[in-house]
């Protein structure tokens, strides 16, 4: 699989973390053909003059006015076994929308941030081609062999989930089957392409 750090996917989920302000996530959101707002994220999206295609969640964070105004596009799911981001992903997959960008999934609460990022592996297992774009970079779930177009000196981190073997070409520091997330952080590209080979799943973070 060949990866590009930035791809303007047409299906975008706006999560209820910090509202995007950096250039890349705001461009992704503005260029979206279909926007799913996670419950409370819809409040600010609507306040900025936009209308989501659908609002998903248990509606506990959606203000009463928006709950009434946008009742026709409110897809209420009350179960608490999954978070609103996951409900949004599952909805898009059920509509056969597999290419998905998530923005607004970080900030506000670090526990939610870690949970939202780790869930990318679950979404990839379900068949999603998915990325999370933050204010500073992009998280990409991967499995097996991947190559990534980069620029020399671009900062990259690798977070191992299920791989016992990891190797790379084009990174300053060799990677291996590390079992703690910090061990794969603070690496960088030495050329225009990074190649990673693994026998399991991992997440790449690429700084813009």
N, C-alpha and C. Protein backbone atom coordinates (compact mmCIF):
# COMPACT_ATOMS: atom_id res chain seq x y z
N UNK A 1 0.84 -1.19 0.00
CA UNK A 1 0.00 0.00 0.00
C UNK A 1 0.88 1.25 0.00
N UNK A 2 0.60 2.16 -0.92
CA UNK A 2 1.32 3.42 -1.01
C UNK A 2 0.45 4.52 -0.38
N UNK A 3 1.03 5.29 0.51
CA UNK A 3 0.28 6.29 1.27
C UNK A 3 0.74 7.70 0.92
N UNK A 4 -0.21 8.61 0.90
CA UNK A 4 0.08 10.04 0.81
C UNK A 4 -0.26 10.67 2.15
N UNK A 5 0.59 11.55 2.69
CA UNK A 5 0.29 12.16 3.99
C UNK A 5 -1.02 12.92 4.01
N UNK A 6 -1.37 13.57 2.90
CA UNK A 6 -2.62 14.35 2.85
C UNK A 6 -3.43 13.90 1.64
N UNK A 7 -4.64 13.44 1.90
CA UNK A 7 -5.58 13.09 0.85
C UNK A 7 -6.92 13.72 1.21
N UNK A 8 -7.53 14.39 0.26
CA UNK A 8 -8.78 15.10 0.52
C UNK A 8 -9.96 14.17 0.29
N UNK A 9 -10.19 13.28 1.26
CA UNK A 9 -11.29 12.33 1.17
C UNK A 9 -12.62 13.09 1.18
N UNK A 10 -13.58 12.58 0.43
CA UNK A 10 -14.86 13.28 0.29
C UNK A 10 -15.78 13.06 1.49
N UNK A 11 -15.57 11.99 2.24
CA UNK A 11 -16.39 11.70 3.42
C UNK A 11 -15.62 12.10 4.67
N UNK A 12 -16.15 13.06 5.42
CA UNK A 12 -15.43 13.62 6.56
C UNK A 12 -16.30 13.54 7.81
N UNK A 13 -15.67 13.10 8.89
CA UNK A 13 -16.31 13.09 10.21
C UNK A 13 -15.72 14.23 11.03
N UNK A 14 -16.58 15.08 11.56
CA UNK A 14 -16.16 16.13 12.48
C UNK A 14 -16.46 15.66 13.89
N UNK A 15 -15.42 15.35 14.64
CA UNK A 15 -15.57 14.87 16.02
C UNK A 15 -15.66 16.05 16.98
N UNK A 16 -15.98 15.74 18.23
CA UNK A 16 -16.26 16.80 19.20
C UNK A 16 -15.06 17.12 20.09
N UNK A 17 -13.86 17.17 19.47
CA UNK A 17 -12.70 17.67 20.18
C UNK A 17 -12.52 19.14 19.88
N UNK A 18 -11.26 19.59 19.80
CA UNK A 18 -11.01 20.98 19.41
C UNK A 18 -11.39 21.17 17.95
N UNK A 19 -12.12 22.24 17.68
CA UNK A 19 -12.55 22.50 16.31
C UNK A 19 -11.32 22.79 15.45
N UNK A 20 -11.22 22.23 14.25
CA UNK A 20 -10.03 22.42 13.41
C UNK A 20 -9.74 23.89 13.12
N UNK A 21 -8.46 24.25 13.22
CA UNK A 21 -8.05 25.61 12.88
C UNK A 21 -6.84 25.63 11.96
N UNK A 22 -6.05 24.55 11.94
CA UNK A 22 -4.89 24.49 11.05
C UNK A 22 -5.34 24.33 9.60
N UNK A 23 -4.45 24.67 8.68
CA UNK A 23 -4.81 24.74 7.27
C UNK A 23 -5.31 23.41 6.73
N UNK A 24 -4.57 22.33 6.97
CA UNK A 24 -4.92 21.06 6.33
C UNK A 24 -6.25 20.50 6.81
N UNK A 25 -6.50 20.37 8.13
CA UNK A 25 -7.82 19.85 8.52
C UNK A 25 -8.98 20.76 8.14
N UNK A 26 -8.76 22.08 8.14
CA UNK A 26 -9.87 22.95 7.73
C UNK A 26 -10.13 22.83 6.23
N UNK A 27 -9.08 22.65 5.43
CA UNK A 27 -9.27 22.43 4.00
C UNK A 27 -10.00 21.12 3.73
N UNK A 28 -9.62 20.10 4.48
CA UNK A 28 -10.29 18.79 4.31
C UNK A 28 -11.77 18.92 4.63
N UNK A 29 -12.08 19.64 5.71
CA UNK A 29 -13.48 19.82 6.09
C UNK A 29 -14.24 20.65 5.06
N UNK A 30 -13.62 21.72 4.58
CA UNK A 30 -14.32 22.59 3.63
C UNK A 30 -14.49 21.94 2.26
N UNK A 31 -13.60 21.01 1.90
CA UNK A 31 -13.69 20.33 0.60
C UNK A 31 -14.53 19.07 0.64
N UNK A 32 -15.08 18.74 1.79
CA UNK A 32 -15.83 17.49 1.93
C UNK A 32 -17.11 17.52 1.11
N UNK A 33 -17.44 16.38 0.53
CA UNK A 33 -18.72 16.23 -0.17
C UNK A 33 -19.80 15.78 0.80
N UNK A 34 -19.40 15.10 1.87
CA UNK A 34 -20.37 14.56 2.83
C UNK A 34 -19.77 14.71 4.23
N UNK A 35 -20.47 15.44 5.10
CA UNK A 35 -19.96 15.72 6.45
C UNK A 35 -20.88 15.10 7.48
N UNK A 36 -20.29 14.27 8.33
CA UNK A 36 -20.98 13.70 9.48
C UNK A 36 -20.47 14.41 10.72
N UNK A 37 -21.36 15.01 11.47
CA UNK A 37 -20.98 15.66 12.73
C UNK A 37 -21.31 14.74 13.89
N UNK A 38 -20.36 14.57 14.77
CA UNK A 38 -20.60 13.82 16.00
C UNK A 38 -21.30 14.73 17.00
N UNK A 39 -22.57 14.52 17.16
CA UNK A 39 -23.36 15.14 18.21
C UNK A 39 -22.96 16.58 18.52
N UNK A 40 -22.19 16.79 19.62
CA UNK A 40 -21.85 18.14 20.05
C UNK A 40 -21.04 18.93 19.05
N UNK A 41 -20.29 18.26 18.18
CA UNK A 41 -19.50 18.97 17.17
C UNK A 41 -20.40 19.74 16.22
N UNK A 42 -21.64 19.30 16.09
CA UNK A 42 -22.57 19.98 15.18
C UNK A 42 -22.88 21.40 15.64
N UNK A 43 -22.85 21.64 16.95
CA UNK A 43 -23.19 22.97 17.45
C UNK A 43 -22.30 24.04 16.85
N UNK A 44 -21.00 23.82 16.88
CA UNK A 44 -20.08 24.83 16.35
C UNK A 44 -20.09 24.85 14.83
N UNK A 45 -20.20 23.68 14.21
CA UNK A 45 -20.25 23.61 12.76
C UNK A 45 -21.44 24.43 12.24
N UNK A 46 -22.58 24.27 12.87
CA UNK A 46 -23.77 25.02 12.49
C UNK A 46 -23.60 26.50 12.81
N UNK A 47 -23.01 26.81 13.96
CA UNK A 47 -22.80 28.20 14.36
C UNK A 47 -21.91 28.94 13.38
N UNK A 48 -21.04 28.21 12.66
CA UNK A 48 -20.15 28.82 11.67
C UNK A 48 -20.82 28.94 10.30
N UNK A 49 -22.10 28.61 10.23
CA UNK A 49 -22.85 28.81 9.00
C UNK A 49 -22.97 27.60 8.10
N UNK A 50 -22.57 26.42 8.59
CA UNK A 50 -22.61 25.20 7.77
C UNK A 50 -23.74 24.29 8.21
N UNK A 51 -24.13 23.41 7.32
CA UNK A 51 -25.15 22.41 7.63
C UNK A 51 -24.57 21.02 7.37
N UNK A 52 -24.50 20.19 8.39
CA UNK A 52 -23.98 18.83 8.17
C UNK A 52 -24.95 18.00 7.34
N UNK A 53 -24.44 16.94 6.74
CA UNK A 53 -25.32 16.01 6.03
C UNK A 53 -26.05 15.12 7.01
N UNK A 54 -25.39 14.81 8.12
CA UNK A 54 -26.03 14.01 9.15
C UNK A 54 -25.34 14.29 10.48
N UNK A 55 -26.11 14.20 11.55
CA UNK A 55 -25.59 14.34 12.91
C UNK A 55 -25.80 13.00 13.60
N UNK A 56 -24.74 12.47 14.20
CA UNK A 56 -24.81 11.14 14.80
C UNK A 56 -24.39 11.19 16.26
N UNK A 57 -25.13 10.49 17.10
CA UNK A 57 -24.79 10.37 18.52
C UNK A 57 -26.03 10.16 19.34
N UNK A 58 -25.86 10.27 20.66
CA UNK A 58 -27.02 10.10 21.53
C UNK A 58 -27.74 11.43 21.77
N UNK A 59 -27.25 12.50 21.14
CA UNK A 59 -27.81 13.86 21.16
C UNK A 59 -27.74 14.52 22.52
N UNK A 60 -26.93 13.99 23.44
CA UNK A 60 -26.83 14.60 24.77
C UNK A 60 -26.03 15.90 24.73
N UNK A 61 -25.15 16.08 23.73
CA UNK A 61 -24.33 17.29 23.63
C UNK A 61 -24.89 18.30 22.63
N UNK A 62 -25.89 17.91 21.89
CA UNK A 62 -26.49 18.80 20.89
C UNK A 62 -27.48 19.72 21.59
N UNK A 63 -27.35 21.04 21.36
CA UNK A 63 -28.25 21.95 22.06
C UNK A 63 -29.69 21.80 21.57
N UNK A 64 -30.62 22.24 22.39
CA UNK A 64 -32.04 21.99 22.13
C UNK A 64 -32.50 22.63 20.82
N UNK A 65 -32.01 23.83 20.53
CA UNK A 65 -32.40 24.49 19.29
C UNK A 65 -32.00 23.68 18.07
N UNK A 66 -30.74 23.22 18.05
CA UNK A 66 -30.27 22.42 16.92
C UNK A 66 -30.96 21.06 16.87
N UNK A 67 -31.32 20.52 18.03
CA UNK A 67 -32.02 19.25 18.06
C UNK A 67 -33.37 19.36 17.35
N UNK A 68 -34.02 20.52 17.53
CA UNK A 68 -35.30 20.74 16.87
C UNK A 68 -35.11 21.08 15.39
N UNK A 69 -34.19 22.02 15.09
CA UNK A 69 -34.01 22.50 13.72
C UNK A 69 -33.55 21.41 12.78
N UNK A 70 -32.71 20.52 13.30
CA UNK A 70 -32.10 19.52 12.42
C UNK A 70 -32.56 18.10 12.76
N UNK A 71 -33.78 18.00 13.23
CA UNK A 71 -34.32 16.69 13.59
C UNK A 71 -34.32 15.73 12.41
N UNK A 72 -34.48 16.25 11.21
CA UNK A 72 -34.57 15.39 10.02
C UNK A 72 -33.25 14.73 9.66
N UNK A 73 -32.13 15.30 10.12
CA UNK A 73 -30.82 14.69 9.81
C UNK A 73 -30.14 14.16 11.07
N UNK A 74 -30.87 14.11 12.18
CA UNK A 74 -30.31 13.60 13.43
C UNK A 74 -30.50 12.10 13.49
N UNK A 75 -29.41 11.38 13.50
CA UNK A 75 -29.43 9.92 13.58
C UNK A 75 -29.05 9.56 15.01
N UNK A 76 -30.04 9.38 15.84
CA UNK A 76 -29.81 9.18 17.27
C UNK A 76 -29.53 7.72 17.58
N UNK A 77 -28.39 7.47 18.25
CA UNK A 77 -28.00 6.12 18.67
C UNK A 77 -27.69 6.21 20.16
N UNK A 78 -28.53 5.61 20.97
CA UNK A 78 -28.42 5.81 22.42
C UNK A 78 -27.47 4.84 23.10
N UNK A 79 -27.10 3.76 22.45
CA UNK A 79 -26.24 2.78 23.13
C UNK A 79 -24.89 3.40 23.48
N UNK A 80 -24.33 2.96 24.59
CA UNK A 80 -23.11 3.56 25.13
C UNK A 80 -21.88 2.65 25.01
N UNK A 81 -22.00 1.57 24.24
CA UNK A 81 -20.87 0.64 24.09
C UNK A 81 -19.80 1.18 23.16
N UNK A 82 -20.17 2.14 22.31
CA UNK A 82 -19.21 2.78 21.41
C UNK A 82 -19.35 4.29 21.54
N UNK A 83 -18.29 5.02 21.15
CA UNK A 83 -18.38 6.48 21.20
C UNK A 83 -18.97 7.02 19.90
N UNK A 84 -19.21 8.33 19.88
CA UNK A 84 -19.88 8.93 18.71
C UNK A 84 -19.03 8.84 17.45
N UNK A 85 -17.70 8.93 17.62
CA UNK A 85 -16.82 8.79 16.45
C UNK A 85 -17.02 7.42 15.80
N UNK A 86 -17.07 6.38 16.62
CA UNK A 86 -17.25 5.02 16.10
C UNK A 86 -18.62 4.86 15.47
N UNK A 87 -19.63 5.46 16.08
CA UNK A 87 -20.97 5.40 15.49
C UNK A 87 -20.97 6.05 14.11
N UNK A 88 -20.24 7.16 13.98
CA UNK A 88 -20.17 7.85 12.69
C UNK A 88 -19.45 6.99 11.65
N UNK A 89 -18.35 6.35 12.04
CA UNK A 89 -17.63 5.49 11.12
C UNK A 89 -18.51 4.32 10.68
N UNK A 90 -19.17 3.67 11.62
CA UNK A 90 -20.02 2.54 11.29
C UNK A 90 -21.16 2.95 10.36
N UNK A 91 -21.69 4.15 10.56
CA UNK A 91 -22.74 4.64 9.66
C UNK A 91 -22.21 4.78 8.24
N UNK A 92 -21.05 5.42 8.08
CA UNK A 92 -20.49 5.60 6.74
C UNK A 92 -20.19 4.25 6.08
N UNK A 93 -19.65 3.31 6.84
CA UNK A 93 -19.37 1.99 6.27
C UNK A 93 -20.66 1.29 5.84
N UNK A 94 -21.73 1.49 6.61
CA UNK A 94 -23.02 0.88 6.25
C UNK A 94 -23.57 1.46 4.95
N UNK A 95 -23.14 2.69 4.62
CA UNK A 95 -23.54 3.34 3.37
C UNK A 95 -22.54 3.10 2.25
N UNK A 96 -21.60 2.19 2.51
CA UNK A 96 -20.54 1.84 1.55
C UNK A 96 -19.65 3.04 1.23
N UNK A 97 -19.45 3.89 2.22
CA UNK A 97 -18.51 5.00 2.12
C UNK A 97 -17.26 4.62 2.90
N UNK A 98 -16.24 4.15 2.21
CA UNK A 98 -15.09 3.54 2.87
C UNK A 98 -13.91 4.50 3.06
N UNK A 99 -13.82 5.53 2.23
CA UNK A 99 -12.72 6.48 2.33
C UNK A 99 -13.16 7.62 3.25
N UNK A 100 -12.52 7.71 4.41
CA UNK A 100 -13.01 8.59 5.47
C UNK A 100 -11.86 9.38 6.08
N UNK A 101 -12.06 10.67 6.25
CA UNK A 101 -11.13 11.51 7.01
C UNK A 101 -11.85 11.97 8.28
N UNK A 102 -11.13 11.92 9.39
CA UNK A 102 -11.66 12.41 10.66
C UNK A 102 -10.89 13.66 11.06
N UNK A 103 -11.61 14.71 11.42
CA UNK A 103 -11.00 15.93 11.94
C UNK A 103 -11.67 16.26 13.27
N UNK A 104 -11.00 17.06 14.09
CA UNK A 104 -11.57 17.46 15.36
C UNK A 104 -11.61 16.35 16.40
N UNK A 105 -10.77 15.33 16.26
CA UNK A 105 -10.82 14.18 17.18
C UNK A 105 -9.85 14.31 18.35
N UNK A 106 -9.03 15.37 18.36
CA UNK A 106 -8.04 15.53 19.42
C UNK A 106 -8.30 16.83 20.17
N UNK A 107 -7.62 16.99 21.28
CA UNK A 107 -7.80 18.19 22.09
C UNK A 107 -8.90 18.02 23.11
N UNK A 108 -9.00 18.97 24.00
CA UNK A 108 -9.98 19.03 25.09
C UNK A 108 -9.70 17.98 26.16
N UNK A 109 -9.75 16.70 25.80
CA UNK A 109 -9.49 15.63 26.77
C UNK A 109 -8.51 14.63 26.20
N UNK A 110 -7.40 14.43 26.92
CA UNK A 110 -6.36 13.53 26.43
C UNK A 110 -6.83 12.08 26.41
N UNK A 111 -7.72 11.70 27.33
CA UNK A 111 -8.19 10.32 27.34
C UNK A 111 -9.03 10.03 26.09
N UNK A 112 -9.86 10.99 25.71
CA UNK A 112 -10.63 10.83 24.48
C UNK A 112 -9.71 10.81 23.27
N UNK A 113 -8.68 11.65 23.29
CA UNK A 113 -7.73 11.69 22.18
C UNK A 113 -7.08 10.33 21.97
N UNK A 114 -6.56 9.73 23.05
CA UNK A 114 -5.92 8.42 22.94
C UNK A 114 -6.90 7.36 22.46
N UNK A 115 -8.11 7.39 23.00
CA UNK A 115 -9.11 6.43 22.57
C UNK A 115 -9.46 6.58 21.10
N UNK A 116 -9.66 7.82 20.66
CA UNK A 116 -10.03 8.06 19.26
C UNK A 116 -8.94 7.61 18.30
N UNK A 117 -7.69 7.85 18.67
CA UNK A 117 -6.58 7.44 17.80
C UNK A 117 -6.46 5.92 17.74
N UNK A 118 -6.54 5.26 18.88
CA UNK A 118 -6.39 3.81 18.90
C UNK A 118 -7.50 3.11 18.12
N UNK A 119 -8.67 3.72 18.06
CA UNK A 119 -9.80 3.12 17.34
C UNK A 119 -9.56 3.04 15.84
N UNK A 120 -8.58 3.77 15.31
CA UNK A 120 -8.30 3.70 13.88
C UNK A 120 -7.99 2.28 13.43
N UNK A 121 -7.33 1.51 14.30
CA UNK A 121 -7.02 0.12 13.97
C UNK A 121 -8.31 -0.68 13.79
N UNK A 122 -9.27 -0.47 14.69
CA UNK A 122 -10.55 -1.17 14.58
C UNK A 122 -11.27 -0.81 13.29
N UNK A 123 -11.23 0.48 12.93
CA UNK A 123 -11.92 0.91 11.71
C UNK A 123 -11.27 0.30 10.46
N UNK A 124 -9.94 0.24 10.46
CA UNK A 124 -9.24 -0.36 9.33
C UNK A 124 -9.59 -1.83 9.21
N UNK A 125 -9.72 -2.52 10.33
CA UNK A 125 -10.12 -3.93 10.30
C UNK A 125 -11.50 -4.10 9.69
N UNK A 126 -12.36 -3.08 9.88
CA UNK A 126 -13.73 -3.14 9.35
C UNK A 126 -13.80 -2.77 7.87
N UNK A 127 -12.67 -2.39 7.28
CA UNK A 127 -12.63 -2.11 5.85
C UNK A 127 -12.51 -0.65 5.49
N UNK A 128 -12.35 0.23 6.47
CA UNK A 128 -12.25 1.66 6.18
C UNK A 128 -10.84 2.02 5.73
N UNK A 129 -10.78 2.89 4.74
CA UNK A 129 -9.53 3.57 4.39
C UNK A 129 -9.62 4.92 5.08
N UNK A 130 -8.95 5.07 6.20
CA UNK A 130 -9.29 6.14 7.13
C UNK A 130 -8.04 6.83 7.66
N UNK A 131 -8.16 8.12 7.93
CA UNK A 131 -7.09 8.93 8.51
C UNK A 131 -7.68 9.85 9.57
N UNK A 132 -6.88 10.21 10.55
CA UNK A 132 -7.26 11.28 11.48
C UNK A 132 -6.29 12.43 11.31
N UNK A 133 -6.81 13.58 10.92
CA UNK A 133 -6.00 14.78 10.70
C UNK A 133 -6.12 15.70 11.91
N UNK A 134 -5.00 16.01 12.53
CA UNK A 134 -4.97 16.87 13.70
C UNK A 134 -4.46 18.25 13.30
N UNK A 135 -4.20 19.08 14.28
CA UNK A 135 -3.64 20.40 14.02
C UNK A 135 -2.19 20.32 13.54
N UNK A 136 -1.53 19.19 13.76
CA UNK A 136 -0.09 19.11 13.49
C UNK A 136 0.31 18.00 12.54
N UNK A 137 -0.53 17.02 12.35
CA UNK A 137 -0.16 15.91 11.50
C UNK A 137 -1.32 14.95 11.30
N UNK A 138 -0.99 13.78 10.72
CA UNK A 138 -2.02 12.82 10.36
C UNK A 138 -1.65 11.45 10.93
N UNK A 139 -2.66 10.77 11.47
CA UNK A 139 -2.53 9.39 11.95
C UNK A 139 -3.10 8.45 10.89
N UNK A 140 -2.32 7.43 10.51
CA UNK A 140 -2.71 6.50 9.45
C UNK A 140 -2.57 5.07 9.96
N UNK A 141 -3.67 4.30 10.04
CA UNK A 141 -3.55 2.89 10.44
C UNK A 141 -3.01 2.06 9.28
N UNK A 142 -2.10 1.14 9.58
CA UNK A 142 -1.46 0.33 8.55
C UNK A 142 -1.33 -1.11 9.01
N UNK A 143 -1.13 -1.98 8.03
CA UNK A 143 -0.87 -3.39 8.31
C UNK A 143 0.06 -3.92 7.24
N UNK A 144 1.06 -4.71 7.64
CA UNK A 144 1.98 -5.31 6.67
C UNK A 144 2.90 -4.28 6.04
N UNK A 145 3.02 -4.31 4.72
CA UNK A 145 3.92 -3.42 4.00
C UNK A 145 3.22 -2.13 3.60
N UNK A 146 3.87 -1.01 3.87
CA UNK A 146 3.37 0.30 3.45
C UNK A 146 4.53 1.16 3.01
N UNK A 147 4.29 2.00 2.02
CA UNK A 147 5.28 3.01 1.66
C UNK A 147 4.62 4.37 1.71
N UNK A 148 5.39 5.36 2.10
CA UNK A 148 4.85 6.68 2.37
C UNK A 148 5.71 7.73 1.68
N UNK A 149 5.08 8.57 0.87
CA UNK A 149 5.80 9.67 0.24
C UNK A 149 6.05 10.75 1.29
N UNK A 150 7.31 11.15 1.42
CA UNK A 150 7.71 12.11 2.45
C UNK A 150 8.68 13.12 1.87
N UNK A 151 9.11 14.04 2.70
CA UNK A 151 10.21 14.92 2.35
C UNK A 151 11.33 14.69 3.37
N UNK A 152 12.59 14.83 2.98
CA UNK A 152 13.69 14.62 3.92
C UNK A 152 13.53 15.50 5.16
N UNK A 153 13.69 14.88 6.32
CA UNK A 153 13.57 15.60 7.57
C UNK A 153 12.16 15.62 8.14
N UNK A 154 11.18 15.10 7.41
CA UNK A 154 9.80 15.11 7.91
C UNK A 154 9.69 14.19 9.13
N UNK A 155 9.04 14.68 10.16
CA UNK A 155 8.95 13.95 11.42
C UNK A 155 7.88 12.87 11.34
N UNK A 156 8.24 11.68 11.79
CA UNK A 156 7.37 10.51 11.69
C UNK A 156 7.49 9.70 12.98
N UNK A 157 6.36 9.19 13.46
CA UNK A 157 6.34 8.26 14.59
C UNK A 157 5.57 7.01 14.20
N UNK A 158 5.98 5.88 14.75
CA UNK A 158 5.33 4.60 14.49
C UNK A 158 4.83 4.04 15.82
N UNK A 159 3.53 3.73 15.90
CA UNK A 159 2.94 3.16 17.10
C UNK A 159 2.53 1.72 16.82
N UNK A 160 3.19 0.78 17.47
CA UNK A 160 2.95 -0.63 17.22
C UNK A 160 1.72 -1.11 17.99
N UNK A 161 0.89 -1.91 17.32
CA UNK A 161 -0.27 -2.50 17.98
C UNK A 161 -0.17 -4.02 18.07
N UNK A 162 0.02 -4.69 16.94
CA UNK A 162 0.00 -6.16 16.97
C UNK A 162 1.21 -6.80 16.30
N UNK A 163 2.17 -6.02 15.87
CA UNK A 163 3.32 -6.58 15.13
C UNK A 163 4.42 -7.03 16.09
N UNK A 164 4.97 -8.21 15.82
CA UNK A 164 6.15 -8.66 16.55
C UNK A 164 7.42 -8.36 15.77
N UNK A 165 7.26 -8.04 14.48
CA UNK A 165 8.40 -7.69 13.62
C UNK A 165 8.07 -6.43 12.86
N UNK A 166 8.96 -5.46 12.94
CA UNK A 166 8.85 -4.21 12.19
C UNK A 166 10.21 -3.86 11.63
N UNK A 167 10.27 -3.44 10.37
CA UNK A 167 11.51 -2.96 9.78
C UNK A 167 11.18 -1.79 8.87
N UNK A 168 12.22 -1.02 8.51
CA UNK A 168 11.97 0.18 7.72
C UNK A 168 13.14 0.50 6.82
N UNK A 169 12.85 1.28 5.79
CA UNK A 169 13.86 1.92 4.96
C UNK A 169 13.48 3.38 4.83
N UNK A 170 14.45 4.26 4.90
CA UNK A 170 14.20 5.68 4.74
C UNK A 170 13.95 6.43 6.03
N UNK A 171 14.06 5.76 7.17
CA UNK A 171 13.96 6.43 8.47
C UNK A 171 15.34 6.59 9.08
N UNK A 172 15.53 7.65 9.82
CA UNK A 172 16.83 7.90 10.44
C UNK A 172 17.18 6.82 11.46
N UNK A 173 16.19 6.39 12.23
CA UNK A 173 16.44 5.39 13.27
C UNK A 173 15.70 4.11 12.92
N UNK A 174 16.40 2.96 12.86
CA UNK A 174 15.75 1.70 12.51
C UNK A 174 14.65 1.36 13.51
N UNK A 175 13.57 0.76 13.01
CA UNK A 175 12.50 0.34 13.89
C UNK A 175 12.53 -1.18 14.05
N UNK A 176 11.84 -1.68 15.06
CA UNK A 176 11.85 -3.10 15.38
C UNK A 176 10.52 -3.41 16.07
N UNK A 177 10.35 -4.63 16.54
CA UNK A 177 9.08 -5.02 17.15
C UNK A 177 8.93 -4.49 18.56
N UNK A 178 8.97 -3.17 18.72
CA UNK A 178 8.88 -2.58 20.06
C UNK A 178 7.48 -2.79 20.65
N UNK A 179 7.41 -2.82 21.97
CA UNK A 179 6.13 -3.10 22.63
C UNK A 179 5.63 -1.94 23.48
N UNK A 180 6.31 -0.78 23.43
CA UNK A 180 5.81 0.43 24.07
C UNK A 180 5.68 1.53 23.02
N UNK A 181 4.63 2.31 23.09
CA UNK A 181 4.38 3.32 22.06
C UNK A 181 5.51 4.33 21.94
N UNK A 182 6.12 4.72 23.06
CA UNK A 182 7.15 5.76 23.00
C UNK A 182 8.35 5.33 22.19
N UNK A 183 8.59 4.02 22.08
CA UNK A 183 9.80 3.54 21.41
C UNK A 183 9.82 3.85 19.91
N UNK A 184 8.65 4.10 19.34
CA UNK A 184 8.62 4.39 17.91
C UNK A 184 8.44 5.86 17.58
N UNK A 185 8.52 6.71 18.59
CA UNK A 185 8.28 8.14 18.36
C UNK A 185 9.56 8.88 17.97
N UNK A 186 9.39 10.11 17.49
CA UNK A 186 10.49 11.05 17.25
C UNK A 186 11.49 10.54 16.22
N UNK A 187 10.98 9.89 15.19
CA UNK A 187 11.81 9.48 14.08
C UNK A 187 11.66 10.51 12.97
N UNK A 188 12.38 10.34 11.85
CA UNK A 188 12.19 11.25 10.73
C UNK A 188 12.68 10.61 9.44
N UNK A 189 12.16 11.12 8.35
CA UNK A 189 12.51 10.61 7.04
C UNK A 189 13.88 11.13 6.61
N UNK A 190 14.60 10.29 5.88
CA UNK A 190 15.90 10.72 5.33
C UNK A 190 15.84 10.93 3.82
N UNK A 191 14.66 10.66 3.22
CA UNK A 191 14.55 10.74 1.76
C UNK A 191 13.11 11.04 1.38
N UNK A 192 12.76 10.79 0.13
CA UNK A 192 11.42 11.11 -0.35
C UNK A 192 10.41 9.98 -0.21
N UNK A 193 10.87 8.83 0.29
CA UNK A 193 9.94 7.72 0.50
C UNK A 193 10.39 6.88 1.67
N UNK A 194 9.44 6.57 2.55
CA UNK A 194 9.69 5.68 3.69
C UNK A 194 8.94 4.38 3.44
N UNK A 195 9.62 3.27 3.65
CA UNK A 195 8.99 1.96 3.49
C UNK A 195 9.02 1.23 4.83
N UNK A 196 7.88 0.64 5.18
CA UNK A 196 7.76 -0.09 6.43
C UNK A 196 7.21 -1.47 6.13
N UNK A 197 7.79 -2.46 6.78
CA UNK A 197 7.33 -3.84 6.64
C UNK A 197 7.06 -4.39 8.04
N UNK A 198 5.94 -5.05 8.21
CA UNK A 198 5.58 -5.57 9.53
C UNK A 198 4.74 -6.83 9.36
N UNK A 199 4.65 -7.60 10.44
CA UNK A 199 3.79 -8.79 10.41
C UNK A 199 2.51 -8.54 11.20
N UNK A 200 2.15 -7.29 11.36
CA UNK A 200 0.93 -6.95 12.09
C UNK A 200 0.51 -5.52 11.83
N UNK A 201 -0.22 -4.97 12.78
CA UNK A 201 -0.85 -3.64 12.62
C UNK A 201 -0.07 -2.56 13.40
N UNK A 202 -0.08 -1.38 12.84
CA UNK A 202 0.60 -0.25 13.46
C UNK A 202 -0.03 1.04 12.95
N UNK A 203 0.22 2.13 13.64
CA UNK A 203 -0.27 3.44 13.21
C UNK A 203 0.93 4.34 12.96
N UNK A 204 0.92 5.02 11.83
CA UNK A 204 1.95 6.00 11.49
C UNK A 204 1.41 7.38 11.80
N UNK A 205 2.23 8.21 12.42
CA UNK A 205 1.92 9.64 12.56
C UNK A 205 2.93 10.42 11.75
N UNK A 206 2.44 11.25 10.83
CA UNK A 206 3.31 12.07 9.98
C UNK A 206 3.03 13.53 10.27
N UNK A 207 4.06 14.25 10.71
CA UNK A 207 3.91 15.67 10.95
C UNK A 207 3.84 16.42 9.61
N UNK A 208 2.92 17.38 9.52
CA UNK A 208 2.78 18.11 8.26
C UNK A 208 4.09 18.77 7.86
